[in-house]
Amino acid sequence: MHCAFTFIGPEIRSCRTRAMLSHVYHHALHNDFYTARDMLLMSHLQETVYSMDVGTQILYNRAVVQLGLCAFRSGLIREAQSTLQDIFTTQRVKELLAQGVHQPRFQTLTPEQEKAGEATSVTVPHAY
């Protein structure tokens, strides 16, 4: 019901985008790969998401990763690899998913850098 109201009502673009991404994440979480993939592709979010706020970008990256995991769980290995390729070819996976700051090997972080990493970390809503 909430999604139907959000898509019909005069909501701002960011709210609709976040609702769409949450819907994609939901379908991917419940192993409905083709529905989630089609929703994500039909929304054309991949073209405009990086001009949006950071929270929406993080939600987009998490939805894409969940879609890749869904493909893997469904035995669609090629789709999983192609879906996850863009996220995992960078050395910034933790940053893209808001799970901390990338720490190069054999380098220790200063206390200020550790606090900055914790500040950029975003807790998943169901993890409270």
C-alpha atoms as a PDB file:
ATOM      1  CA  MET A   1       0.000   0.000   0.000  1.00  0.00           C
ATOM      2  CA  HIS A   2       2.785   2.430   0.883  1.00  0.00           C
ATOM      3  CA  CYS A   3       4.527   1.918  -2.469  1.00  0.00           C
ATOM      4  CA  ALA A   4       1.298   2.476  -4.391  1.00  0.00           C
ATOM      5  CA  PHE A   5       0.685   5.749  -2.530  1.00  0.00           C
ATOM      6  CA  THR A   6       4.266   6.917  -3.021  1.00  0.00           C
ATOM      7  CA  PHE A   7       4.276   6.256  -6.766  1.00  0.00           C
ATOM      8  CA  ILE A   8       0.911   7.958  -7.313  1.00  0.00           C
ATOM      9  CA  GLY A   9       1.151  10.842  -4.858  1.00  0.00           C
ATOM     10  CA  PRO A  10       2.969  14.113  -5.530  1.00  0.00           C
ATOM     11  CA  GLU A  11       6.090  13.021  -3.639  1.00  0.00           C
ATOM     12  CA  ILE A  12       9.544  14.308  -4.335  1.00  0.00           C
ATOM     13  CA  ARG A  13      11.812  12.391  -6.684  1.00  0.00           C
ATOM     14  CA  SER A  14      14.120  11.163  -3.942  1.00  0.00           C
ATOM     15  CA  CYS A  15      11.281   9.575  -1.993  1.00  0.00           C
ATOM     16  CA  ARG A  16      10.021   7.724  -5.067  1.00  0.00           C
ATOM     17  CA  THR A  17      13.531   6.590  -5.888  1.00  0.00           C
ATOM     18  CA  ARG A  18      14.127   5.280  -2.368  1.00  0.00           C
ATOM     19  CA  ALA A  19      10.765   3.472  -2.409  1.00  0.00           C
ATOM     20  CA  MET A  20      11.626   1.867  -5.760  1.00  0.00           C
ATOM     21  CA  LEU A  21      15.030   0.767  -4.469  1.00  0.00           C
ATOM     22  CA  SER A  22      13.460  -0.660  -1.318  1.00  0.00           C
ATOM     23  CA  HIS A  23      10.979  -2.555  -3.479  1.00  0.00           C
ATOM     24  CA  VAL A  24      13.814  -3.944  -5.636  1.00  0.00           C
ATOM     25  CA  TYR A  25      15.730  -4.915  -2.477  1.00  0.00           C
ATOM     26  CA  HIS A  26      12.632  -6.690  -1.114  1.00  0.00           C
ATOM     27  CA  HIS A  27      12.165  -8.771  -4.264  1.00  0.00           C
ATOM     28  CA  ALA A  28      15.873  -9.629  -4.387  1.00  0.00           C
ATOM     29  CA  LEU A  29      15.868 -10.594  -0.721  1.00  0.00           C
ATOM     30  CA  HIS A  30      13.006 -13.023  -1.377  1.00  0.00           C
ATOM     31  CA  ASN A  31      14.756 -14.634  -4.385  1.00  0.00           C
ATOM     32  CA  ASP A  32      12.563 -13.051  -7.060  1.00  0.00           C
ATOM     33  CA  PHE A  33      15.519 -12.182  -9.301  1.00  0.00           C
ATOM     34  CA  TYR A  34      13.738 -11.471 -12.570  1.00  0.00           C
ATOM     35  CA  THR A  35      11.156  -9.156 -11.006  1.00  0.00           C
ATOM     36  CA  ALA A  36      13.820  -7.243  -9.065  1.00  0.00           C
ATOM     37  CA  ARG A  37      16.103  -6.999 -12.106  1.00  0.00           C
ATOM     38  CA  ASP A  38      13.297  -5.837 -14.382  1.00  0.00           C
ATOM     39  CA  MET A  39      12.160  -3.225 -11.869  1.00  0.00           C
ATOM     40  CA  LEU A  40      15.690  -1.880 -11.528  1.00  0.00           C
ATOM     41  CA  LEU A  41      16.283  -1.779 -15.286  1.00  0.00           C
ATOM     42  CA  MET A  42      12.894  -0.229 -16.085  1.00  0.00           C
ATOM     43  CA  SER A  43      13.449   2.539 -13.529  1.00  0.00           C
ATOM     44  CA  HIS A  44      16.630   3.728 -15.338  1.00  0.00           C
ATOM     45  CA  LEU A  45      18.086   4.634 -11.934  1.00  0.00           C
ATOM     46  CA  GLN A  46      21.577   3.550 -12.945  1.00  0.00           C
ATOM     47  CA  GLU A  47      21.720   6.641 -15.179  1.00  0.00           C
ATOM     48  CA  THR A  48      20.857   9.227 -12.515  1.00  0.00           C
ATOM     49  CA  VAL A  49      21.517   7.739  -9.082  1.00  0.00           C
ATOM     50  CA  TYR A  50      24.999   9.210  -8.692  1.00  0.00           C
ATOM     51  CA  SER A  51      23.617  12.738  -8.973  1.00  0.00           C
ATOM     52  CA  MET A  52      21.352  12.082  -5.946  1.00  0.00           C
ATOM     53  CA  ASP A  53      22.045  12.290  -2.236  1.00  0.00           C
ATOM     54  CA  VAL A  54      24.533   9.915  -0.594  1.00  0.00           C
ATOM     55  CA  GLY A  55      21.851   7.936   1.259  1.00  0.00           C
ATOM     56  CA  THR A  56      20.092   7.111  -1.987  1.00  0.00           C
ATOM     57  CA  GLN A  57      23.382   6.101  -3.616  1.00  0.00           C
ATOM     58  CA  ILE A  58      24.101   3.742  -0.713  1.00  0.00           C
ATOM     59  CA  LEU A  59      20.616   2.233  -0.968  1.00  0.00           C
ATOM     60  CA  TYR A  60      21.135   1.772  -4.715  1.00  0.00           C
ATOM     61  CA  ASN A  61      24.484   0.010  -4.188  1.00  0.00           C
ATOM     62  CA  ARG A  62      22.986  -2.243  -1.512  1.00  0.00           C
ATOM     63  CA  ALA A  63      20.025  -3.115  -3.760  1.00  0.00           C
ATOM     64  CA  VAL A  64      22.413  -4.002  -6.611  1.00  0.00           C
ATOM     65  CA  VAL A  65      24.495  -6.216  -4.305  1.00  0.00           C
ATOM     66  CA  GLN A  66      21.368  -7.917  -2.972  1.00  0.00           C
ATOM     67  CA  LEU A  67      20.266  -8.495  -6.579  1.00  0.00           C
ATOM     68  CA  GLY A  68      23.619 -10.136  -7.311  1.00  0.00           C
ATOM     69  CA  LEU A  69      23.325 -12.325  -4.224  1.00  0.00           C
ATOM     70  CA  CYS A  70      19.789 -13.250  -5.274  1.00  0.00           C
ATOM     71  CA  ALA A  71      21.069 -14.358  -8.677  1.00  0.00           C
ATOM     72  CA  PHE A  72      23.772 -16.430  -6.986  1.00  0.00           C
ATOM     73  CA  ARG A  73      21.267 -18.071  -4.612  1.00  0.00           C
ATOM     74  CA  SER A  74      19.087 -18.883  -7.622  1.00  0.00           C
ATOM     75  CA  GLY A  75      21.975 -20.538  -9.430  1.00  0.00           C
ATOM     76  CA  LEU A  76      22.267 -17.775 -12.034  1.00  0.00           C
ATOM     77  CA  ILE A  77      26.036 -17.484 -11.785  1.00  0.00           C
ATOM     78  CA  ARG A  78      26.629 -15.377 -14.921  1.00  0.00           C
ATOM     79  CA  GLU A  79      23.954 -12.887 -13.891  1.00  0.00           C
ATOM     80  CA  ALA A  80      25.417 -12.744 -10.386  1.00  0.00           C
ATOM     81  CA  GLN A  81      28.885 -12.059 -11.731  1.00  0.00           C
ATOM     82  CA  SER A  82      27.745  -9.359 -14.148  1.00  0.00           C
ATOM     83  CA  THR A  83      25.565  -7.702 -11.497  1.00  0.00           C
ATOM     84  CA  LEU A  84      28.295  -7.621  -8.850  1.00  0.00           C
ATOM     85  CA  GLN A  85      31.135  -6.759 -11.222  1.00  0.00           C
ATOM     86  CA  ASP A  86      30.740  -2.960 -11.064  1.00  0.00           C
ATOM     87  CA  ILE A  87      30.715  -2.891  -7.267  1.00  0.00           C
ATOM     88  CA  PHE A  88      33.564  -5.308  -6.652  1.00  0.00           C
ATOM     89  CA  THR A  89      36.003  -4.096  -9.324  1.00  0.00           C
ATOM     90  CA  THR A  90      36.664  -1.009  -7.202  1.00  0.00           C
ATOM     91  CA  GLN A  91      38.775  -1.030  -4.076  1.00  0.00           C
ATOM     92  CA  ARG A  92      36.028   0.903  -2.281  1.00  0.00           C
ATOM     93  CA  VAL A  93      33.418  -1.785  -1.590  1.00  0.00           C
ATOM     94  CA  LYS A  94      33.061  -0.846   2.084  1.00  0.00           C
ATOM     95  CA  GLU A  95      32.633   2.816   1.206  1.00  0.00           C
ATOM     96  CA  LEU A  96      30.068   2.122  -1.528  1.00  0.00           C
ATOM     97  CA  LEU A  97      27.975   0.066   0.888  1.00  0.00           C
ATOM     98  CA  ALA A  98      28.597   2.496   3.800  1.00  0.00           C
ATOM     99  CA  GLN A  99      30.230  -0.156   5.961  1.00  0.00           C
ATOM    100  CA  GLY A 100      33.413   1.765   6.713  1.00  0.00           C
ATOM    101  CA  VAL A 101      36.442   3.154   4.968  1.00  0.00           C
ATOM    102  CA  HIS A 102      38.764   0.991   2.877  1.00  0.00           C
ATOM    103  CA  GLN A 103      41.985   0.283   4.729  1.00  0.00           C
ATOM    104  CA  PRO A 104      44.956  -0.595   2.535  1.00  0.00           C
ATOM    105  CA  ARG A 105      46.958  -3.642   3.612  1.00  0.00           C
ATOM    106  CA  PHE A 106      49.618  -3.219   6.231  1.00  0.00           C
ATOM    107  CA  GLN A 107      48.517   0.302   7.053  1.00  0.00           C
ATOM    108  CA  THR A 108      47.139   1.274  10.426  1.00  0.00           C
ATOM    109  CA  LEU A 109      44.519   3.962  10.821  1.00  0.00           C
ATOM    110  CA  THR A 110      44.889   6.926  13.104  1.00  0.00           C
ATOM    111  CA  PRO A 111      42.157   7.447  15.719  1.00  0.00           C
ATOM    112  CA  GLU A 112      40.771  10.307  13.592  1.00  0.00           C
ATOM    113  CA  GLN A 113      40.530   8.056  10.544  1.00  0.00           C
ATOM    114  CA  GLU A 114      38.782   5.348  12.583  1.00  0.00           C
ATOM    115  CA  LYS A 115      36.212   7.879  13.831  1.00  0.00           C
ATOM    116  CA  ALA A 116      35.681   9.121  10.268  1.00  0.00           C
ATOM    117  CA  GLY A 117      35.080   5.530   9.156  1.00  0.00           C
ATOM    118  CA  GLU A 118      32.559   4.979  11.931  1.00  0.00           C
ATOM    119  CA  ALA A 119      30.829   8.261  11.099  1.00  0.00           C
ATOM    120  CA  THR A 120      30.327   7.220   7.461  1.00  0.00           C
ATOM    121  CA  SER A 121      28.981   3.821   8.444  1.00  0.00           C
ATOM    122  CA  VAL A 122      25.213   3.504   8.005  1.00  0.00           C
ATOM    123  CA  THR A 123      23.287   0.937  10.004  1.00  0.00           C
ATOM    124  CA  VAL A 124      20.840  -1.209   8.079  1.00  0.00           C
ATOM    125  CA  PRO A 125      17.277  -0.441   9.311  1.00  0.00           C
ATOM    126  CA  HIS A 126      16.571  -4.017  10.444  1.00  0.00           C
ATOM    127  CA  ALA A 127      19.843  -4.236  12.404  1.00  0.00           C
ATOM    128  CA  TYR A 128      18.642  -2.228  15.422  1.00  0.00           C
END
